Protein backbone atom coordinates (compact mmCIF):
# COMPACT_ATOMS: atom_id res chain seq x y z
CA UNK A 1 51.82 106.01 102.54
CA UNK A 2 55.52 106.75 103.07
CA UNK A 3 57.98 106.97 100.19
CA UNK A 4 59.67 103.83 101.53
CA UNK A 5 56.52 101.80 101.10
CA UNK A 6 56.36 102.70 97.39
CA UNK A 7 59.82 101.29 96.75
CA UNK A 8 59.19 97.87 95.20
CA UNK A 9 60.37 96.00 92.14
CA UNK A 10 57.99 94.56 89.58
CA UNK A 11 58.02 91.36 91.63
CA UNK A 12 56.76 93.40 94.63
CA UNK A 13 60.05 92.77 96.48
CA UNK A 14 60.99 95.74 98.65
CA UNK A 15 63.77 98.10 97.62
CA UNK A 16 65.69 99.56 100.55
CA UNK A 17 66.59 103.26 100.63
CA UNK A 18 70.19 104.39 101.13
CA UNK A 19 72.02 103.25 104.25
CA UNK A 20 71.13 105.08 107.44
CA UNK A 21 74.20 106.61 109.11
CA UNK A 22 74.56 103.97 111.84
CA UNK A 23 74.43 101.02 109.46
CA UNK A 24 76.98 102.76 107.20
CA UNK A 25 79.36 103.38 110.10
CA UNK A 26 78.96 99.74 111.13
CA UNK A 27 79.82 98.66 107.57
CA UNK A 28 82.97 100.83 107.66
CA UNK A 29 83.98 99.33 111.02
CA UNK A 30 83.30 95.79 109.77
CA UNK A 31 85.47 96.31 106.68
CA UNK A 32 88.23 97.86 108.77
CA UNK A 33 88.22 94.82 111.13
CA UNK A 34 88.23 92.37 108.21
CA UNK A 35 91.20 94.09 106.54
CA UNK A 36 93.12 94.30 109.84
CA UNK A 37 92.44 90.58 110.41
CA UNK A 38 94.23 89.71 107.16
CA UNK A 39 91.54 89.75 104.47
CA UNK A 40 93.39 89.29 101.17
CA UNK A 41 93.10 92.00 98.54
CA UNK A 42 91.12 90.85 95.51
CA UNK A 43 90.40 93.21 92.63
CA UNK A 44 88.02 92.66 89.76
CA UNK A 45 87.45 94.99 86.85
CA UNK A 46 85.30 93.12 84.37
CA UNK A 47 84.82 94.82 81.05
CA UNK A 48 82.87 91.99 79.44
CA UNK A 49 80.06 93.35 77.32
CA UNK A 50 76.82 93.20 79.29
CA UNK A 51 78.65 92.23 82.47
CA UNK A 52 80.55 95.37 83.52
CA UNK A 53 81.38 95.36 87.22
CA UNK A 54 84.13 96.54 89.51
CA UNK A 55 84.83 95.07 92.91
CA UNK A 56 87.58 95.36 95.50
CA UNK A 57 87.62 93.18 98.61
CA UNK A 58 89.01 96.10 100.64
CA UNK A 59 86.52 98.66 99.33
CA UNK A 60 82.88 99.38 99.98
CA UNK A 61 82.20 97.86 96.55
CA UNK A 62 83.04 94.45 98.01
CA UNK A 63 80.68 91.70 96.97
CA UNK A 64 81.52 89.54 100.00
CA UNK A 65 78.54 88.25 101.97
CA UNK A 66 80.66 88.60 105.11
CA UNK A 67 80.84 92.36 104.53
CA UNK A 68 77.11 92.67 103.99
CA UNK A 69 75.70 89.91 106.25
CA UNK A 70 72.16 91.18 106.93
CA UNK A 71 69.24 91.44 104.52
CA UNK A 72 68.81 95.12 105.43
CA UNK A 73 72.35 95.81 104.15
CA UNK A 74 71.04 95.24 100.63
CA UNK A 75 69.04 97.19 98.09
CA UNK A 76 66.97 94.06 97.51
CA UNK A 77 66.69 92.34 100.91
CA UNK A 78 64.33 89.64 99.66
CA UNK A 79 66.72 88.68 96.85
CA UNK A 80 69.58 88.45 99.36
CA UNK A 81 67.58 86.01 101.49
CA UNK A 82 66.05 84.06 98.62
CA UNK A 83 68.91 84.01 96.09
CA UNK A 84 72.02 85.19 97.96
CA UNK A 85 72.18 88.34 95.81
CA UNK A 86 74.71 90.82 97.20
CA UNK A 87 73.69 94.38 96.33
CA UNK A 88 74.76 96.83 99.06
CA UNK A 89 72.58 99.88 99.55
CA UNK A 90 73.72 103.35 98.51
CA UNK A 91 75.71 105.25 101.14
CA UNK A 92 74.02 108.05 103.08
CA UNK A 93 74.37 111.64 101.87
CA UNK A 94 77.96 112.80 101.86
CA UNK A 95 79.41 109.33 102.47
CA UNK A 96 81.91 107.77 100.11
CA UNK A 97 84.13 104.75 100.08
CA UNK A 98 87.38 105.50 101.93
CA UNK A 99 89.25 104.31 98.84
CA UNK A 100 87.85 107.16 96.73
CA UNK A 101 90.80 109.49 96.09
CA UNK A 102 88.81 112.27 94.47
CA UNK A 103 88.27 115.57 96.21
CA UNK A 104 84.51 115.81 96.87
CA UNK A 105 84.46 119.16 95.08
CA UNK A 106 85.90 117.52 91.96
CA UNK A 107 83.04 115.05 91.82
CA UNK A 108 80.45 117.74 91.24
CA UNK A 109 82.48 120.39 89.44
CA UNK A 110 84.39 118.37 86.87
CA UNK A 111 84.32 115.50 84.48
CA UNK A 112 85.84 113.26 87.20
CA UNK A 113 82.42 112.75 88.77
CA UNK A 114 81.16 111.20 85.53
CA UNK A 115 83.77 108.43 85.50
CA UNK A 116 83.38 105.22 87.46
CA UNK A 117 85.07 104.93 90.81
CA UNK A 118 87.68 102.58 89.28
CA UNK A 119 89.54 105.69 88.11
CA UNK A 120 89.41 107.28 91.58
CA UNK A 121 90.08 104.15 93.67
CA UNK A 122 93.26 103.86 95.72
CA UNK A 123 93.19 100.09 95.26
CA UNK A 124 92.98 100.15 91.46
CA UNK A 125 95.13 103.26 91.00
CA UNK A 126 97.74 102.69 93.71
CA UNK A 127 101.20 103.96 92.80
CA UNK A 128 103.64 101.22 91.87
CA UNK A 129 105.64 101.40 95.14
CA UNK A 130 102.46 100.69 97.14
CA UNK A 131 101.51 97.80 94.85
CA UNK A 132 104.91 96.20 95.44
CA UNK A 133 104.47 96.41 99.23
CA UNK A 134 101.10 94.87 100.12
CA UNK A 135 101.49 95.38 103.87
CA UNK A 136 102.26 99.07 103.38
CA UNK A 137 99.16 99.32 101.20
CA UNK A 138 97.13 97.54 103.90
CA UNK A 139 98.30 100.10 106.49
CA UNK A 140 97.40 102.97 104.17
CA UNK A 141 93.95 101.49 103.57
CA UNK A 142 93.36 101.03 107.31
CA UNK A 143 94.40 104.64 107.88
CA UNK A 144 91.88 105.83 105.27
CA UNK A 145 89.11 103.82 106.97
CA UNK A 146 90.06 105.37 110.31
CA UNK A 147 89.94 108.85 108.75
CA UNK A 148 86.59 108.17 107.08
CA UNK A 149 85.06 106.91 110.32
CA UNK A 150 86.39 109.93 112.21
CA UNK A 151 84.83 112.27 109.63
CA UNK A 152 81.46 110.51 109.78
CA UNK A 153 81.49 110.45 113.59
CA UNK A 154 82.44 114.13 113.79
CA UNK A 155 79.66 115.09 111.39
CA UNK A 156 76.96 112.72 112.68
CA UNK A 157 78.08 111.35 116.03
CA UNK A 158 79.21 107.78 116.60
CA UNK A 159 76.26 105.73 115.39
CA UNK A 160 75.41 102.06 115.04
CA UNK A 161 72.72 99.97 113.42
CA UNK A 162 71.03 99.29 116.76
CA UNK A 163 70.50 103.04 117.24
CA UNK A 164 68.34 103.26 114.11
CA UNK A 165 65.26 101.06 114.22
CA UNK A 166 64.09 99.79 110.88
CA UNK A 167 61.20 101.58 109.22
CA UNK A 168 58.33 99.58 107.75
CA UNK A 169 59.20 98.07 104.39
CA UNK A 170 57.20 98.00 101.21
CA UNK A 171 54.32 95.59 101.31
CA UNK A 172 53.67 96.02 105.03
CA UNK A 173 50.06 96.37 106.05
CA UNK A 174 48.80 99.96 106.04
């Protein structure tokens, strides 16, 4: 039995592993297209007790169904189909949201890696001049997506979801 087939919740719903490279690159491209097409910036930093969440419509923490349209984009694919739950999978090794301003070395060698991405996010921590000029911020964000895609493609080749067939999910017949 593969490790993937052991990944189920108590309800026996499958739990997807991290994104494969092609699906991650597709998600980056999708977000880049959505931002370029005029997607408005929405930021949420809830600090309500028991309901802590951070979301940015221009980041990979987006909770938009349009950003994560397929069940296999989600940690809990069955819950996405059944309940509309948006829970994007973890990025592949070495991948980060393009909005993450931290140096990768800082994430493992300092306290910075222990803080939530809110404190490292270009969208939440943008300097005042960028906040006052939303179109300049949009251009900067698009540039960071372009750079992130170029890095991923250089390291792993240009990949897409179609290039990576889905592996059997938990609960499949042995």
